[in-house]
Protein backbone atom coordinates (compact mmCIF):
# COMPACT_ATOMS: atom_id res chain seq x y z
CA UNK A 1 0.00 0.00 0.00
CA UNK A 2 1.27 3.48 -0.88
CA UNK A 3 1.28 6.17 1.77
CA UNK A 4 1.38 9.96 1.48
CA UNK A 5 4.92 11.31 1.68
CA UNK A 6 3.96 14.99 2.19
CA UNK A 7 4.67 16.73 5.50
CA UNK A 8 2.04 16.09 8.16
CA UNK A 9 -0.62 18.81 8.28
CA UNK A 10 -0.23 19.31 12.04
CA UNK A 11 3.48 18.55 12.52
CA UNK A 12 5.35 19.49 9.30
CA UNK A 13 8.56 17.76 10.46
CA UNK A 14 6.76 14.40 10.26
CA UNK A 15 5.62 12.56 7.13
CA UNK A 16 1.84 12.40 6.73
CA UNK A 17 1.74 8.63 6.10
CA UNK A 18 -2.00 8.55 5.25
CA UNK A 19 -2.92 5.83 2.72
CA UNK A 20 -3.26 7.22 -0.82
CA UNK A 21 -5.28 9.00 -2.00
CA UNK A 22 -4.69 11.23 1.00
CA UNK A 23 -7.64 13.60 1.64
CA UNK A 24 -5.26 16.11 3.25
CA UNK A 25 -2.91 16.43 0.26
CA UNK A 26 -5.00 15.55 -2.80
CA UNK A 27 -6.78 18.03 -5.07
CA UNK A 28 -10.23 16.82 -6.16
CA UNK A 29 -12.22 17.85 -9.23
CA UNK A 30 -15.93 17.06 -8.83
CA UNK A 31 -17.40 17.20 -12.34
CA UNK A 32 -20.99 16.73 -11.16
CA UNK A 33 -20.88 19.87 -9.02
CA UNK A 34 -18.41 21.74 -11.27
CA UNK A 35 -16.25 22.14 -8.17
CA UNK A 36 -12.53 22.12 -7.42
CA UNK A 37 -11.48 21.26 -3.87
CA UNK A 38 -7.89 21.73 -2.75
CA UNK A 39 -6.88 21.00 0.85
CA UNK A 40 -5.27 23.98 2.58
CA UNK A 41 -2.19 21.92 3.40
CA UNK A 42 -1.49 20.92 -0.21
CA UNK A 43 1.11 23.58 -0.97
CA UNK A 44 1.96 22.12 -4.37
CA UNK A 45 -1.71 21.92 -5.33
CA UNK A 46 -2.28 25.51 -4.22
CA UNK A 47 0.53 26.68 -6.48
CA UNK A 48 -1.04 24.75 -9.36
CA UNK A 49 -4.60 25.95 -8.63
CA UNK A 50 -4.99 27.85 -11.92
CA UNK A 51 -3.92 24.84 -13.98
CA UNK A 52 -6.19 22.51 -11.97
CA UNK A 53 -9.08 24.93 -12.51
CA UNK A 54 -8.44 24.88 -16.27
CA UNK A 55 -8.39 21.08 -16.25
CA UNK A 56 -11.65 20.94 -14.30
CA UNK A 57 -13.37 23.34 -16.68
CA UNK A 58 -12.12 21.39 -19.70
CA UNK A 59 -13.53 18.15 -18.29
CA UNK A 60 -16.90 19.75 -17.51
CA UNK A 61 -17.05 21.37 -20.97
CA UNK A 62 -16.26 18.06 -22.68
CA UNK A 63 -18.92 16.23 -20.65
CA UNK A 64 -21.42 18.93 -21.63
CA UNK A 65 -20.57 18.47 -25.31
CA UNK A 66 -20.98 14.70 -25.05
CA UNK A 67 -24.37 15.10 -23.35
CA UNK A 68 -25.53 17.54 -26.04
CA UNK A 69 -24.45 15.14 -28.81
CA UNK A 70 -26.32 12.21 -27.25
PDB file of N, CA and C in Angstrom:
ATOM      1  N   UNK A   1       0.842  -1.180   0.000  1.00  0.00           N
ATOM      2  CA  UNK A   1       0.000   0.000   0.000  1.00  0.00           C
ATOM      3  C   UNK A   1       0.889   1.246   0.000  1.00  0.00           C
ATOM      4  N   UNK A   2       0.525   2.224  -0.822  1.00  0.00           N
ATOM      5  CA  UNK A   2       1.272   3.483  -0.878  1.00  0.00           C
ATOM      6  C   UNK A   2       0.737   4.453   0.160  1.00  0.00           C
ATOM      7  N   UNK A   3       1.645   5.171   0.765  1.00  0.00           N
ATOM      8  CA  UNK A   3       1.277   6.168   1.766  1.00  0.00           C
ATOM      9  C   UNK A   3       1.750   7.541   1.335  1.00  0.00           C
ATOM     10  N   UNK A   4       1.053   8.573   1.800  1.00  0.00           N
ATOM     11  CA  UNK A   4       1.384   9.965   1.485  1.00  0.00           C
ATOM     12  C   UNK A   4       2.753  10.316   2.065  1.00  0.00           C
ATOM     13  N   UNK A   5       3.577  10.940   1.245  1.00  0.00           N
ATOM     14  CA  UNK A   5       4.918  11.314   1.678  1.00  0.00           C
ATOM     15  C   UNK A   5       5.058  12.823   1.912  1.00  0.00           C
ATOM     16  N   UNK A   6       3.938  13.553   1.904  1.00  0.00           N
ATOM     17  CA  UNK A   6       3.963  14.993   2.185  1.00  0.00           C
ATOM     18  C   UNK A   6       4.141  15.218   3.685  1.00  0.00           C
ATOM     19  N   UNK A   7       4.570  16.422   4.068  1.00  0.00           N
ATOM     20  CA  UNK A   7       4.666  16.728   5.497  1.00  0.00           C
ATOM     21  C   UNK A   7       3.291  16.636   6.162  1.00  0.00           C
ATOM     22  N   UNK A   8       3.274  16.189   7.388  1.00  0.00           N
ATOM     23  CA  UNK A   8       2.037  16.094   8.155  1.00  0.00           C
ATOM     24  C   UNK A   8       1.391  17.463   8.270  1.00  0.00           C
ATOM     25  N   UNK A   9       0.053  17.512   8.249  1.00  0.00           N
ATOM     26  CA  UNK A   9      -0.620  18.814   8.279  1.00  0.00           C
ATOM     27  C   UNK A   9      -0.531  19.490   9.638  1.00  0.00           C
ATOM     28  N   UNK A  10      -0.327  18.719  10.703  1.00  0.00           N
ATOM     29  CA  UNK A  10      -0.232  19.308  12.038  1.00  0.00           C
ATOM     30  C   UNK A  10       1.211  19.461  12.519  1.00  0.00           C
ATOM     31  N   UNK A  11       2.069  18.524  12.121  1.00  0.00           N
ATOM     32  CA  UNK A  11       3.477  18.553  12.523  1.00  0.00           C
ATOM     33  C   UNK A  11       4.317  18.408  11.261  1.00  0.00           C
ATOM     34  N   UNK A  12       4.665  19.524  10.592  1.00  0.00           N
ATOM     35  CA  UNK A  12       5.348  19.488   9.298  1.00  0.00           C
ATOM     36  C   UNK A  12       6.676  18.725   9.283  1.00  0.00           C
ATOM     37  N   UNK A  13       7.297  18.509  10.435  1.00  0.00           N
ATOM     38  CA  UNK A  13       8.555  17.764  10.464  1.00  0.00           C
ATOM     39  C   UNK A  13       8.339  16.267  10.278  1.00  0.00           C
ATOM     40  N   UNK A  14       7.093  15.802  10.431  1.00  0.00           N
ATOM     41  CA  UNK A  14       6.757  14.396  10.258  1.00  0.00           C
ATOM     42  C   UNK A  14       6.163  14.168   8.873  1.00  0.00           C
ATOM     43  N   UNK A  15       6.250  12.931   8.399  1.00  0.00           N
ATOM     44  CA  UNK A  15       5.623  12.561   7.132  1.00  0.00           C
ATOM     45  C   UNK A  15       4.172  12.215   7.418  1.00  0.00           C
ATOM     46  N   UNK A  16       3.271  12.629   6.533  1.00  0.00           N
ATOM     47  CA  UNK A  16       1.843  12.402   6.731  1.00  0.00           C
ATOM     48  C   UNK A  16       1.537  10.911   6.930  1.00  0.00           C
ATOM     49  N   UNK A  17       1.918  10.064   5.953  1.00  0.00           N
ATOM     50  CA  UNK A  17       1.737   8.629   6.099  1.00  0.00           C
ATOM     51  C   UNK A  17       0.334   8.111   5.847  1.00  0.00           C
ATOM     52  N   UNK A  18      -0.620   8.980   5.501  1.00  0.00           N
ATOM     53  CA  UNK A  18      -1.998   8.554   5.251  1.00  0.00           C
ATOM     54  C   UNK A  18      -2.032   7.702   3.979  1.00  0.00           C
ATOM     55  N   UNK A  19      -2.822   6.625   3.952  1.00  0.00           N
ATOM     56  CA  UNK A  19      -2.920   5.830   2.719  1.00  0.00           C
ATOM     57  C   UNK A  19      -3.424   6.679   1.552  1.00  0.00           C
ATOM     58  N   UNK A  20      -2.842   6.468   0.366  1.00  0.00           N
ATOM     59  CA  UNK A  20      -3.256   7.222  -0.818  1.00  0.00           C
ATOM     60  C   UNK A  20      -4.572   6.700  -1.358  1.00  0.00           C
ATOM     61  N   UNK A  21      -5.444   7.553  -1.876  1.00  0.00           N
ATOM     62  CA  UNK A  21      -5.284   9.003  -1.996  1.00  0.00           C
ATOM     63  C   UNK A  21      -5.548   9.703  -0.669  1.00  0.00           C
ATOM     64  N   UNK A  22      -4.615  10.519  -0.278  1.00  0.00           N
ATOM     65  CA  UNK A  22      -4.686  11.225   0.996  1.00  0.00           C
ATOM     66  C   UNK A  22      -5.649  12.408   0.887  1.00  0.00           C
ATOM     67  N   UNK A  23      -6.691  12.473   1.722  1.00  0.00           N
ATOM     68  CA  UNK A  23      -7.636  13.601   1.637  1.00  0.00           C
ATOM     69  C   UNK A  23      -7.036  14.925   2.072  1.00  0.00           C
ATOM     70  N   UNK A  24      -5.900  14.881   2.766  1.00  0.00           N
ATOM     71  CA  UNK A  24      -5.262  16.108   3.248  1.00  0.00           C
ATOM     72  C   UNK A  24      -4.333  16.727   2.221  1.00  0.00           C
ATOM     73  N   UNK A  25      -3.898  15.946   1.220  1.00  0.00           N
ATOM     74  CA  UNK A  25      -2.914  16.428   0.259  1.00  0.00           C
ATOM     75  C   UNK A  25      -3.296  16.118  -1.186  1.00  0.00           C
ATOM     76  N   UNK A  26      -4.565  15.901  -1.457  1.00  0.00           N
ATOM     77  CA  UNK A  26      -5.002  15.552  -2.801  1.00  0.00           C
ATOM     78  C   UNK A  26      -6.037  16.554  -3.292  1.00  0.00           C
ATOM     79  N   UNK A  27      -5.788  17.146  -4.453  1.00  0.00           N
ATOM     80  CA  UNK A  27      -6.779  18.030  -5.069  1.00  0.00           C
ATOM     81  C   UNK A  27      -7.847  17.160  -5.717  1.00  0.00           C
ATOM     82  N   UNK A  28      -9.106  17.587  -5.632  1.00  0.00           N
ATOM     83  CA  UNK A  28     -10.225  16.822  -6.163  1.00  0.00           C
ATOM     84  C   UNK A  28     -11.048  17.690  -7.098  1.00  0.00           C
ATOM     85  N   UNK A  29     -11.340  17.168  -8.287  1.00  0.00           N
ATOM     86  CA  UNK A  29     -12.219  17.848  -9.227  1.00  0.00           C
ATOM     87  C   UNK A  29     -13.519  17.065  -9.266  1.00  0.00           C
ATOM     88  N   UNK A  30     -14.613  17.689  -8.828  1.00  0.00           N
ATOM     89  CA  UNK A  30     -15.931  17.062  -8.828  1.00  0.00           C
ATOM     90  C   UNK A  30     -16.690  17.579 -10.045  1.00  0.00           C
ATOM     91  N   UNK A  31     -16.787  16.745 -11.096  1.00  0.00           N
ATOM     92  CA  UNK A  31     -17.403  17.198 -12.341  1.00  0.00           C
ATOM     93  C   UNK A  31     -18.916  17.351 -12.216  1.00  0.00           C
ATOM     94  N   UNK A  32     -19.543  16.619 -11.311  1.00  0.00           N
ATOM     95  CA  UNK A  32     -20.994  16.733 -11.157  1.00  0.00           C
ATOM     96  C   UNK A  32     -21.393  18.069 -10.552  1.00  0.00           C
ATOM     97  N   UNK A  33     -20.580  18.587  -9.671  1.00  0.00           N
ATOM     98  CA  UNK A  33     -20.883  19.867  -9.022  1.00  0.00           C
ATOM     99  C   UNK A  33     -20.104  21.028  -9.635  1.00  0.00           C
ATOM    100  N   UNK A  34     -19.265  20.727 -10.657  1.00  0.00           N
ATOM    101  CA  UNK A  34     -18.406  21.740 -11.269  1.00  0.00           C
ATOM    102  C   UNK A  34     -17.602  22.447 -10.179  1.00  0.00           C
ATOM    103  N   UNK A  35     -16.908  21.632  -9.368  1.00  0.00           N
ATOM    104  CA  UNK A  35     -16.252  22.135  -8.172  1.00  0.00           C
ATOM    105  C   UNK A  35     -14.820  21.623  -8.094  1.00  0.00           C
ATOM    106  N   UNK A  36     -13.919  22.468  -7.656  1.00  0.00           N
ATOM    107  CA  UNK A  36     -12.534  22.115  -7.418  1.00  0.00           C
ATOM    108  C   UNK A  36     -12.265  22.274  -5.935  1.00  0.00           C
ATOM    109  N   UNK A  37     -11.797  21.197  -5.288  1.00  0.00           N
ATOM    110  CA  UNK A  37     -11.478  21.255  -3.865  1.00  0.00           C
ATOM    111  C   UNK A  37      -9.990  20.976  -3.691  1.00  0.00           C
ATOM    112  N   UNK A  38      -9.313  21.896  -3.017  1.00  0.00           N
ATOM    113  CA  UNK A  38      -7.894  21.732  -2.751  1.00  0.00           C
ATOM    114  C   UNK A  38      -7.683  21.902  -1.246  1.00  0.00           C
ATOM    115  N   UNK A  39      -7.133  20.876  -0.594  1.00  0.00           N
ATOM    116  CA  UNK A  39      -6.880  21.001   0.849  1.00  0.00           C
ATOM    117  C   UNK A  39      -5.916  22.152   1.128  1.00  0.00           C
ATOM    118  N   UNK A  40      -6.112  22.833   2.235  1.00  0.00           N
ATOM    119  CA  UNK A  40      -5.266  23.977   2.578  1.00  0.00           C
ATOM    120  C   UNK A  40      -3.809  23.591   2.765  1.00  0.00           C
ATOM    121  N   UNK A  41      -3.561  22.342   3.127  1.00  0.00           N
ATOM    122  CA  UNK A  41      -2.195  21.925   3.399  1.00  0.00           C
ATOM    123  C   UNK A  41      -1.463  21.461   2.149  1.00  0.00           C
ATOM    124  N   UNK A  42      -2.119  21.396   1.018  1.00  0.00           N
ATOM    125  CA  UNK A  42      -1.487  20.919  -0.208  1.00  0.00           C
ATOM    126  C   UNK A  42      -0.788  22.077  -0.908  1.00  0.00           C
ATOM    127  N   UNK A  43       0.394  22.425  -0.440  1.00  0.00           N
ATOM    128  CA  UNK A  43       1.111  23.584  -0.973  1.00  0.00           C
ATOM    129  C   UNK A  43       1.348  23.457  -2.478  1.00  0.00           C
ATOM    130  N   UNK A  44       1.726  22.294  -2.940  1.00  0.00           N
ATOM    131  CA  UNK A  44       1.961  22.120  -4.375  1.00  0.00           C
ATOM    132  C   UNK A  44       0.669  22.291  -5.163  1.00  0.00           C
ATOM    133  N   UNK A  45      -0.428  21.788  -4.652  1.00  0.00           N
ATOM    134  CA  UNK A  45      -1.708  21.925  -5.335  1.00  0.00           C
ATOM    135  C   UNK A  45      -2.160  23.382  -5.344  1.00  0.00           C
ATOM    136  N   UNK A  46      -1.903  24.100  -4.266  1.00  0.00           N
ATOM    137  CA  UNK A  46      -2.283  25.508  -4.217  1.00  0.00           C
ATOM    138  C   UNK A  46      -1.527  26.308  -5.269  1.00  0.00           C
ATOM    139  N   UNK A  47      -0.249  25.985  -5.471  1.00  0.00           N
ATOM    140  CA  UNK A  47       0.535  26.682  -6.484  1.00  0.00           C
ATOM    141  C   UNK A  47       0.009  26.366  -7.884  1.00  0.00           C
ATOM    142  N   UNK A  48      -0.546  25.181  -8.056  1.00  0.00           N
ATOM    143  CA  UNK A  48      -1.044  24.751  -9.362  1.00  0.00           C
ATOM    144  C   UNK A  48      -2.546  24.984  -9.510  1.00  0.00           C
ATOM    145  N   UNK A  49      -3.140  25.774  -8.650  1.00  0.00           N
ATOM    146  CA  UNK A  49      -4.599  25.954  -8.635  1.00  0.00           C
ATOM    147  C   UNK A  49      -5.152  26.415  -9.984  1.00  0.00           C
ATOM    148  N   UNK A  50      -4.488  27.343 -10.632  1.00  0.00           N
ATOM    149  CA  UNK A  50      -4.992  27.853 -11.918  1.00  0.00           C
ATOM    150  C   UNK A  50      -5.032  26.735 -12.956  1.00  0.00           C
ATOM    151  N   UNK A  51      -3.977  25.944 -13.020  1.00  0.00           N
ATOM    152  CA  UNK A  51      -3.924  24.842 -13.980  1.00  0.00           C
ATOM    153  C   UNK A  51      -4.986  23.789 -13.647  1.00  0.00           C
ATOM    154  N   UNK A  52      -5.163  23.482 -12.370  1.00  0.00           N
ATOM    155  CA  UNK A  52      -6.190  22.514 -11.972  1.00  0.00           C
ATOM    156  C   UNK A  52      -7.587  23.031 -12.316  1.00  0.00           C
ATOM    157  N   UNK A  53      -7.794  24.337 -12.150  1.00  0.00           N
ATOM    158  CA  UNK A  53      -9.081  24.929 -12.506  1.00  0.00           C
ATOM    159  C   UNK A  53      -9.332  24.790 -14.009  1.00  0.00           C
ATOM    160  N   UNK A  54      -8.302  25.033 -14.821  1.00  0.00           N
ATOM    161  CA  UNK A  54      -8.440  24.883 -16.270  1.00  0.00           C
ATOM    162  C   UNK A  54      -8.770  23.436 -16.635  1.00  0.00           C
ATOM    163  N   UNK A  55      -8.120  22.491 -15.991  1.00  0.00           N
ATOM    164  CA  UNK A  55      -8.391  21.077 -16.250  1.00  0.00           C
ATOM    165  C   UNK A  55      -9.830  20.736 -15.885  1.00  0.00           C
ATOM    166  N   UNK A  56     -10.275  21.194 -14.729  1.00  0.00           N
ATOM    167  CA  UNK A  56     -11.647  20.937 -14.302  1.00  0.00           C
ATOM    168  C   UNK A  56     -12.668  21.505 -15.278  1.00  0.00           C
ATOM    169  N   UNK A  57     -12.445  22.734 -15.726  1.00  0.00           N
ATOM    170  CA  UNK A  57     -13.375  23.344 -16.681  1.00  0.00           C
ATOM    171  C   UNK A  57     -13.365  22.595 -18.009  1.00  0.00           C
ATOM    172  N   UNK A  58     -12.199  22.134 -18.451  1.00  0.00           N
ATOM    173  CA  UNK A  58     -12.115  21.386 -19.704  1.00  0.00           C
ATOM    174  C   UNK A  58     -12.900  20.077 -19.609  1.00  0.00           C
ATOM    175  N   UNK A  59     -12.798  19.409 -18.477  1.00  0.00           N
ATOM    176  CA  UNK A  59     -13.535  18.154 -18.289  1.00  0.00           C
ATOM    177  C   UNK A  59     -15.031  18.420 -18.303  1.00  0.00           C
ATOM    178  N   UNK A  60     -15.470  19.432 -17.572  1.00  0.00           N
ATOM    179  CA  UNK A  60     -16.902  19.753 -17.514  1.00  0.00           C
ATOM    180  C   UNK A  60     -17.416  20.155 -18.894  1.00  0.00           C
ATOM    181  N   UNK A  61     -16.640  20.956 -19.624  1.00  0.00           N
ATOM    182  CA  UNK A  61     -17.048  21.367 -20.970  1.00  0.00           C
ATOM    183  C   UNK A  61     -17.181  20.160 -21.895  1.00  0.00           C
ATOM    184  N   UNK A  62     -16.230  19.248 -21.828  1.00  0.00           N
ATOM    185  CA  UNK A  62     -16.263  18.057 -22.681  1.00  0.00           C
ATOM    186  C   UNK A  62     -17.460  17.170 -22.335  1.00  0.00           C
ATOM    187  N   UNK A  63     -17.752  17.021 -21.051  1.00  0.00           N
ATOM    188  CA  UNK A  63     -18.919  16.227 -20.653  1.00  0.00           C
ATOM    189  C   UNK A  63     -20.203  16.875 -21.141  1.00  0.00           C
ATOM    190  N   UNK A  64     -20.242  18.210 -21.123  1.00  0.00           N
ATOM    191  CA  UNK A  64     -21.417  18.930 -21.627  1.00  0.00           C
ATOM    192  C   UNK A  64     -21.601  18.715 -23.117  1.00  0.00           C
ATOM    193  N   UNK A  65     -20.493  18.708 -23.865  1.00  0.00           N
ATOM    194  CA  UNK A  65     -20.571  18.466 -25.313  1.00  0.00           C
ATOM    195  C   UNK A  65     -21.064  17.065 -25.607  1.00  0.00           C
ATOM    196  N   UNK A  66     -20.559  16.083 -24.847  1.00  0.00           N
ATOM    197  CA  UNK A  66     -20.982  14.696 -25.052  1.00  0.00           C
ATOM    198  C   UNK A  66     -22.468  14.529 -24.747  1.00  0.00           C
ATOM    199  N   UNK A  67     -22.955  15.194 -23.701  1.00  0.00           N
ATOM    200  CA  UNK A  67     -24.372  15.104 -23.346  1.00  0.00           C
ATOM    201  C   UNK A  67     -25.235  15.753 -24.422  1.00  0.00           C
ATOM    202  N   UNK A  68     -24.769  16.855 -25.014  1.00  0.00           N
ATOM    203  CA  UNK A  68     -25.527  17.537 -26.043  1.00  0.00           C
ATOM    204  C   UNK A  68     -25.570  16.707 -27.341  1.00  0.00           C
ATOM    205  N   UNK A  69     -24.496  15.969 -27.605  1.00  0.00           N
ATOM    206  CA  UNK A  69     -24.449  15.140 -28.811  1.00  0.00           C
ATOM    207  C   UNK A  69     -25.286  13.870 -28.678  1.00  0.00           C
ATOM    208  N   UNK A  70     -25.580  13.465 -27.458  1.00  0.00           N
ATOM    209  CA  UNK A  70     -26.320  12.207 -27.245  1.00  0.00           C
ATOM    210  C   UNK A  70     -27.799  12.344 -27.517  1.00  0.00           C
TER     211      UNK A  70
END
